[in-house]
Every structure is written in structure tokens, then in C-alpha cells.
Amino acid sequence: MDVHYLGGVLFLIGGIIAFIGGALQVLWKIIIALHQKSVAFLHSQMKYSMSVGFLIIISALIIARSSIDWLAIKTTLIHIPCVILIIIIIIRSFFYKISRSFFGSINAIISIVCS
């Protein structure tokens, strides 16, 4: 059974664990926003589930390193949607502090004008 050409079943399991950890964190934030209550388990589980999930992903990549089709991965990454997302991530990481202060000052100006 060929689940994924990158790391197989182990990679899939690690991805699912990390995804569930992130989804529970989002659920925790929604509960806080809607009911102003904090469910400690939903918040504290993320550091463990994400760590375990990514550790399983890394171990899957190490185990399957000889059978990984790096050319297929490279071709997937240079398609248009991926390239656009990679460029956005790079720009966002370089200009994070600038954009944060820029949008913070715009929010301050809007709140002054509206009040």
C-alpha cells in the first residue's frame, strides 16, 4: 500500500497527530473567544502533540530517505501555487516586524479617527 511517496504510513501518522494538535489548539481559542473559559487540556496538549507528530515525520523521512523521489518533490514545489505560497512565506518572515508595526499604527489611526 503506497500511502505517500514522501514517507509512507509513518509520515501520514505524524502529520495526523500534528494536525489534531493544531486543531485542538484552534478549538481552545474558539472556546475562549465565545465563552471566556479556558480548557487547560486543549491548550497544554499542543506542545506535546506537535512535538511527537513532527518527530514521527522526521523519523519517517530518515527511514525512507533512500526511497524518496526527490525529483518529484522538487517538481511539486516549483508549481505555481507552491511557488506563490513559498514567496509569501519568505516575504512575511523578512518583513514581520515592519508589517507588525505598520499595521499596528494603521489600527491606532483608525481607532482615533473612529472615536
N, C-alpha and C. Protein backbone atom coordinates (compact mmCIF):
# COMPACT_ATOMS: atom_id res chain seq x y z
N MET A 1 0.85 -1.18 0.00
CA MET A 1 0.00 0.00 0.00
C MET A 1 0.89 1.23 0.00
N ASP A 2 0.77 2.04 -1.04
CA ASP A 2 1.58 3.24 -1.15
C ASP A 2 0.76 4.44 -0.71
N VAL A 3 0.94 4.88 0.53
CA VAL A 3 0.14 5.97 1.08
C VAL A 3 0.67 7.32 0.60
N HIS A 4 1.94 7.51 0.66
CA HIS A 4 2.54 8.80 0.33
C HIS A 4 3.92 8.55 -0.20
N TYR A 5 4.32 9.23 -1.28
CA TYR A 5 5.64 8.96 -1.84
C TYR A 5 6.75 9.60 -1.04
N LEU A 6 6.42 10.36 -0.01
CA LEU A 6 7.45 11.02 0.77
C LEU A 6 7.93 10.18 1.94
N GLY A 7 7.04 9.69 2.77
CA GLY A 7 7.49 8.97 3.95
C GLY A 7 6.62 7.82 4.37
N GLY A 8 5.60 7.48 3.62
CA GLY A 8 4.77 6.32 3.91
C GLY A 8 3.79 6.54 5.04
N VAL A 9 3.41 5.42 5.64
CA VAL A 9 2.39 5.42 6.69
C VAL A 9 2.86 6.20 7.92
N LEU A 10 4.13 6.07 8.27
CA LEU A 10 4.67 6.77 9.44
C LEU A 10 4.56 8.28 9.26
N PHE A 11 4.85 8.75 8.05
CA PHE A 11 4.73 10.17 7.74
C PHE A 11 3.27 10.62 7.89
N LEU A 12 2.35 9.81 7.40
CA LEU A 12 0.93 10.12 7.49
C LEU A 12 0.47 10.18 8.94
N ILE A 13 0.90 9.23 9.76
CA ILE A 13 0.53 9.21 11.17
C ILE A 13 1.06 10.46 11.89
N GLY A 14 2.32 10.83 11.62
CA GLY A 14 2.88 12.04 12.23
C GLY A 14 2.14 13.29 11.82
N GLY A 15 1.76 13.36 10.54
CA GLY A 15 1.00 14.50 10.06
C GLY A 15 -0.37 14.60 10.70
N ILE A 16 -1.02 13.46 10.88
CA ILE A 16 -2.34 13.46 11.52
C ILE A 16 -2.24 13.88 12.98
N ILE A 17 -1.23 13.40 13.69
CA ILE A 17 -1.05 13.78 15.10
C ILE A 17 -0.79 15.29 15.21
N ALA A 18 0.07 15.83 14.35
CA ALA A 18 0.35 17.27 14.38
C ALA A 18 -0.90 18.07 14.01
N PHE A 19 -1.66 17.60 13.03
CA PHE A 19 -2.88 18.29 12.62
C PHE A 19 -3.91 18.31 13.75
N ILE A 20 -4.09 17.17 14.42
CA ILE A 20 -5.06 17.11 15.52
C ILE A 20 -4.63 18.04 16.65
N GLY A 21 -3.32 18.11 16.94
CA GLY A 21 -2.83 19.03 17.96
C GLY A 21 -3.13 20.48 17.62
N GLY A 22 -2.93 20.85 16.36
CA GLY A 22 -3.24 22.21 15.93
C GLY A 22 -4.73 22.49 15.95
N ALA A 23 -5.54 21.51 15.55
CA ALA A 23 -6.99 21.68 15.55
C ALA A 23 -7.53 21.85 16.97
N LEU A 24 -6.96 21.10 17.92
CA LEU A 24 -7.40 21.26 19.31
C LEU A 24 -7.00 22.62 19.87
N GLN A 25 -5.86 23.15 19.42
CA GLN A 25 -5.45 24.50 19.84
C GLN A 25 -6.43 25.54 19.30
N VAL A 26 -6.84 25.38 18.05
CA VAL A 26 -7.83 26.29 17.46
C VAL A 26 -9.15 26.20 18.22
N LEU A 27 -9.56 24.98 18.56
CA LEU A 27 -10.79 24.79 19.34
C LEU A 27 -10.68 25.50 20.68
N TRP A 28 -9.52 25.44 21.32
CA TRP A 28 -9.29 26.13 22.60
C TRP A 28 -9.47 27.64 22.42
N LYS A 29 -8.93 28.19 21.34
CA LYS A 29 -9.06 29.63 21.10
C LYS A 29 -10.50 30.02 20.82
N ILE A 30 -11.23 29.17 20.11
CA ILE A 30 -12.64 29.46 19.84
C ILE A 30 -13.45 29.43 21.13
N ILE A 31 -13.18 28.46 22.00
CA ILE A 31 -13.89 28.38 23.29
C ILE A 31 -13.61 29.61 24.13
N ILE A 32 -12.35 30.07 24.13
CA ILE A 32 -12.02 31.28 24.89
C ILE A 32 -12.74 32.49 24.31
N ALA A 33 -12.78 32.60 22.98
CA ALA A 33 -13.42 33.75 22.35
C ALA A 33 -14.93 33.76 22.57
N LEU A 34 -15.55 32.60 22.53
CA LEU A 34 -17.01 32.57 22.63
C LEU A 34 -17.52 32.51 24.07
N HIS A 35 -16.83 31.77 24.94
CA HIS A 35 -17.35 31.55 26.29
C HIS A 35 -16.47 32.11 27.40
N GLN A 36 -15.35 32.70 27.07
CA GLN A 36 -14.39 33.23 28.04
C GLN A 36 -14.01 32.20 29.10
N LYS A 37 -13.89 30.94 28.69
CA LYS A 37 -13.45 29.87 29.57
C LYS A 37 -12.24 29.20 28.94
N SER A 38 -11.30 28.81 29.78
CA SER A 38 -10.11 28.14 29.29
C SER A 38 -10.14 26.67 29.69
N VAL A 39 -10.04 25.82 28.70
CA VAL A 39 -9.94 24.38 28.94
C VAL A 39 -8.45 24.05 28.87
N ALA A 40 -7.86 23.79 30.01
CA ALA A 40 -6.40 23.66 30.10
C ALA A 40 -5.85 22.56 29.20
N PHE A 41 -6.56 21.45 29.08
CA PHE A 41 -6.06 20.34 28.27
C PHE A 41 -5.90 20.74 26.80
N LEU A 42 -6.86 21.51 26.28
CA LEU A 42 -6.80 21.90 24.87
C LEU A 42 -5.61 22.80 24.60
N HIS A 43 -5.19 23.57 25.59
CA HIS A 43 -4.05 24.46 25.39
C HIS A 43 -2.72 23.73 25.61
N SER A 44 -2.64 22.94 26.67
CA SER A 44 -1.35 22.34 27.03
C SER A 44 -0.97 21.15 26.15
N GLN A 45 -1.92 20.54 25.46
CA GLN A 45 -1.62 19.36 24.66
C GLN A 45 -0.82 19.69 23.41
N MET A 46 -0.89 20.94 22.95
CA MET A 46 -0.29 21.28 21.66
C MET A 46 1.22 21.05 21.64
N LYS A 47 1.90 21.45 22.70
CA LYS A 47 3.36 21.30 22.69
C LYS A 47 3.78 19.84 22.63
N TYR A 48 2.96 18.95 23.19
CA TYR A 48 3.30 17.53 23.15
C TYR A 48 2.89 16.89 21.82
N SER A 49 1.68 17.17 21.38
CA SER A 49 1.21 16.53 20.15
C SER A 49 1.99 17.02 18.93
N MET A 50 2.29 18.31 18.86
CA MET A 50 3.05 18.82 17.73
C MET A 50 4.47 18.27 17.75
N SER A 51 5.08 18.21 18.93
CA SER A 51 6.44 17.67 19.03
C SER A 51 6.48 16.21 18.61
N VAL A 52 5.55 15.42 19.10
CA VAL A 52 5.51 14.00 18.76
C VAL A 52 5.21 13.82 17.27
N GLY A 53 4.26 14.60 16.75
CA GLY A 53 3.92 14.50 15.33
C GLY A 53 5.10 14.82 14.43
N PHE A 54 5.79 15.92 14.72
CA PHE A 54 6.93 16.29 13.88
C PHE A 54 8.12 15.35 14.08
N LEU A 55 8.27 14.81 15.27
CA LEU A 55 9.32 13.81 15.50
C LEU A 55 9.06 12.55 14.67
N ILE A 56 7.79 12.14 14.60
CA ILE A 56 7.43 10.98 13.78
C ILE A 56 7.65 11.28 12.30
N ILE A 57 7.32 12.49 11.86
CA ILE A 57 7.55 12.89 10.46
C ILE A 57 9.04 12.86 10.13
N ILE A 58 9.86 13.42 11.01
CA ILE A 58 11.31 13.43 10.78
C ILE A 58 11.86 12.01 10.75
N SER A 59 11.40 11.16 11.68
CA SER A 59 11.88 9.78 11.68
C SER A 59 11.42 9.03 10.42
N ALA A 60 10.22 9.35 9.92
CA ALA A 60 9.76 8.72 8.67
C ALA A 60 10.64 9.14 7.50
N LEU A 61 11.04 10.41 7.48
CA LEU A 61 11.92 10.88 6.41
C LEU A 61 13.30 10.24 6.49
N ILE A 62 13.80 10.06 7.72
CA ILE A 62 15.10 9.40 7.89
C ILE A 62 15.03 7.94 7.46
N ILE A 63 13.96 7.26 7.84
CA ILE A 63 13.80 5.84 7.49
C ILE A 63 13.66 5.68 5.97
N ALA A 64 12.90 6.55 5.33
CA ALA A 64 12.60 6.39 3.90
C ALA A 64 13.51 7.23 3.00
N ARG A 65 14.62 7.72 3.51
CA ARG A 65 15.44 8.65 2.72
C ARG A 65 15.97 8.05 1.43
N SER A 66 16.21 6.76 1.39
CA SER A 66 16.74 6.16 0.16
C SER A 66 15.66 5.95 -0.89
N SER A 67 14.40 5.85 -0.47
CA SER A 67 13.33 5.61 -1.44
C SER A 67 12.54 6.86 -1.80
N ILE A 68 12.91 8.01 -1.27
CA ILE A 68 12.19 9.25 -1.55
C ILE A 68 12.56 9.73 -2.95
N ASP A 69 11.56 10.09 -3.71
CA ASP A 69 11.77 10.61 -5.06
C ASP A 69 11.93 12.13 -4.98
N TRP A 70 13.18 12.57 -4.80
CA TRP A 70 13.45 13.99 -4.60
C TRP A 70 13.09 14.82 -5.83
N LEU A 71 13.18 14.23 -7.03
CA LEU A 71 12.82 14.95 -8.25
C LEU A 71 11.32 15.26 -8.27
N ALA A 72 10.51 14.32 -7.82
CA ALA A 72 9.06 14.54 -7.77
C ALA A 72 8.72 15.63 -6.75
N ILE A 73 9.44 15.66 -5.65
CA ILE A 73 9.21 16.70 -4.64
C ILE A 73 9.60 18.06 -5.20
N LYS A 74 10.75 18.12 -5.89
CA LYS A 74 11.19 19.38 -6.48
C LYS A 74 10.20 19.88 -7.52
N THR A 75 9.69 18.97 -8.35
CA THR A 75 8.72 19.38 -9.37
C THR A 75 7.43 19.85 -8.73
N THR A 76 7.01 19.23 -7.65
CA THR A 76 5.80 19.68 -6.95
C THR A 76 6.00 21.06 -6.36
N LEU A 77 7.17 21.32 -5.80
CA LEU A 77 7.41 22.60 -5.15
C LEU A 77 7.55 23.77 -6.12
N ILE A 78 7.89 23.50 -7.39
CA ILE A 78 8.05 24.62 -8.31
C ILE A 78 6.80 24.87 -9.15
N HIS A 79 5.69 24.21 -8.84
CA HIS A 79 4.43 24.55 -9.49
C HIS A 79 3.91 25.87 -8.94
N ILE A 80 3.06 26.52 -9.69
CA ILE A 80 2.62 27.88 -9.38
C ILE A 80 2.03 28.05 -7.98
N PRO A 81 1.06 27.26 -7.52
CA PRO A 81 0.53 27.53 -6.18
C PRO A 81 1.59 27.44 -5.09
N CYS A 82 2.47 26.45 -5.19
CA CYS A 82 3.51 26.29 -4.17
C CYS A 82 4.51 27.45 -4.21
N VAL A 83 4.89 27.86 -5.40
CA VAL A 83 5.85 28.96 -5.53
C VAL A 83 5.28 30.24 -4.92
N ILE A 84 4.02 30.51 -5.19
CA ILE A 84 3.39 31.72 -4.63
C ILE A 84 3.38 31.65 -3.11
N LEU A 85 3.01 30.50 -2.55
CA LEU A 85 2.99 30.37 -1.09
C LEU A 85 4.38 30.48 -0.49
N ILE A 86 5.38 29.89 -1.14
CA ILE A 86 6.75 29.99 -0.63
C ILE A 86 7.24 31.43 -0.66
N ILE A 87 6.93 32.17 -1.72
CA ILE A 87 7.32 33.58 -1.80
C ILE A 87 6.63 34.40 -0.72
N ILE A 88 5.35 34.13 -0.48
CA ILE A 88 4.63 34.85 0.58
C ILE A 88 5.25 34.56 1.94
N ILE A 89 5.60 33.31 2.20
CA ILE A 89 6.21 32.94 3.48
C ILE A 89 7.55 33.64 3.66
N ILE A 90 8.37 33.67 2.61
CA ILE A 90 9.68 34.32 2.69
C ILE A 90 9.52 35.81 2.93
N ILE A 91 8.65 36.46 2.17
CA ILE A 91 8.43 37.90 2.35
C ILE A 91 7.90 38.18 3.75
N ARG A 92 6.95 37.39 4.20
CA ARG A 92 6.37 37.59 5.53
C ARG A 92 7.42 37.41 6.63
N SER A 93 8.32 36.45 6.47
CA SER A 93 9.31 36.23 7.52
C SER A 93 10.35 37.36 7.57
N PHE A 94 10.68 37.94 6.41
CA PHE A 94 11.64 39.04 6.41
C PHE A 94 11.05 40.34 6.91
N PHE A 95 9.78 40.58 6.61
CA PHE A 95 9.18 41.87 6.93
C PHE A 95 8.17 41.78 8.06
N TYR A 96 8.32 40.79 8.94
CA TYR A 96 7.34 40.61 10.02
C TYR A 96 7.29 41.80 10.95
N LYS A 97 8.43 42.27 11.41
CA LYS A 97 8.43 43.39 12.35
C LYS A 97 7.96 44.68 11.69
N ILE A 98 8.34 44.88 10.43
CA ILE A 98 7.91 46.08 9.73
C ILE A 98 6.40 46.08 9.55
N SER A 99 5.85 44.95 9.08
CA SER A 99 4.41 44.89 8.85
C SER A 99 3.64 44.96 10.16
N ARG A 100 4.21 44.37 11.22
CA ARG A 100 3.53 44.40 12.51
C ARG A 100 3.42 45.82 13.03
N SER A 101 4.50 46.60 12.94
CA SER A 101 4.44 47.97 13.41
C SER A 101 3.62 48.83 12.46
N PHE A 102 3.67 48.53 11.15
CA PHE A 102 2.90 49.29 10.17
C PHE A 102 1.41 49.10 10.40
N PHE A 103 0.95 47.83 10.53
CA PHE A 103 -0.46 47.59 10.74
C PHE A 103 -0.90 48.03 12.13
N GLY A 104 0.00 47.99 13.09
CA GLY A 104 -0.34 48.49 14.42
C GLY A 104 -0.61 49.99 14.39
N SER A 105 0.19 50.74 13.64
CA SER A 105 -0.02 52.18 13.55
C SER A 105 -1.27 52.50 12.74
N ILE A 106 -1.57 51.69 11.72
CA ILE A 106 -2.81 51.92 10.97
C ILE A 106 -4.01 51.65 11.86
N ASN A 107 -3.98 50.60 12.66
CA ASN A 107 -5.08 50.33 13.59
C ASN A 107 -5.23 51.44 14.60
N ALA A 108 -4.14 52.02 15.07
CA ALA A 108 -4.22 53.13 16.02
C ALA A 108 -4.84 54.36 15.37
N ILE A 109 -4.46 54.65 14.14
CA ILE A 109 -5.03 55.81 13.43
C ILE A 109 -6.52 55.61 13.19
N ILE A 110 -6.91 54.41 12.78
CA ILE A 110 -8.34 54.13 12.54
C ILE A 110 -9.14 54.26 13.82
N SER A 111 -8.62 53.75 14.93
CA SER A 111 -9.35 53.85 16.18
C SER A 111 -9.47 55.28 16.67
N ILE A 112 -8.44 56.11 16.42
CA ILE A 112 -8.51 57.53 16.80
C ILE A 112 -9.55 58.26 15.95
N VAL A 113 -9.54 57.99 14.63
CA VAL A 113 -10.46 58.65 13.72
C VAL A 113 -11.90 58.25 14.02
N CYS A 114 -12.13 56.97 14.30
CA CYS A 114 -13.49 56.48 14.53
C CYS A 114 -14.04 56.85 15.90
N SER A 115 -13.17 57.22 16.84
CA SER A 115 -13.70 57.55 18.18
C SER A 115 -13.86 59.01 18.38
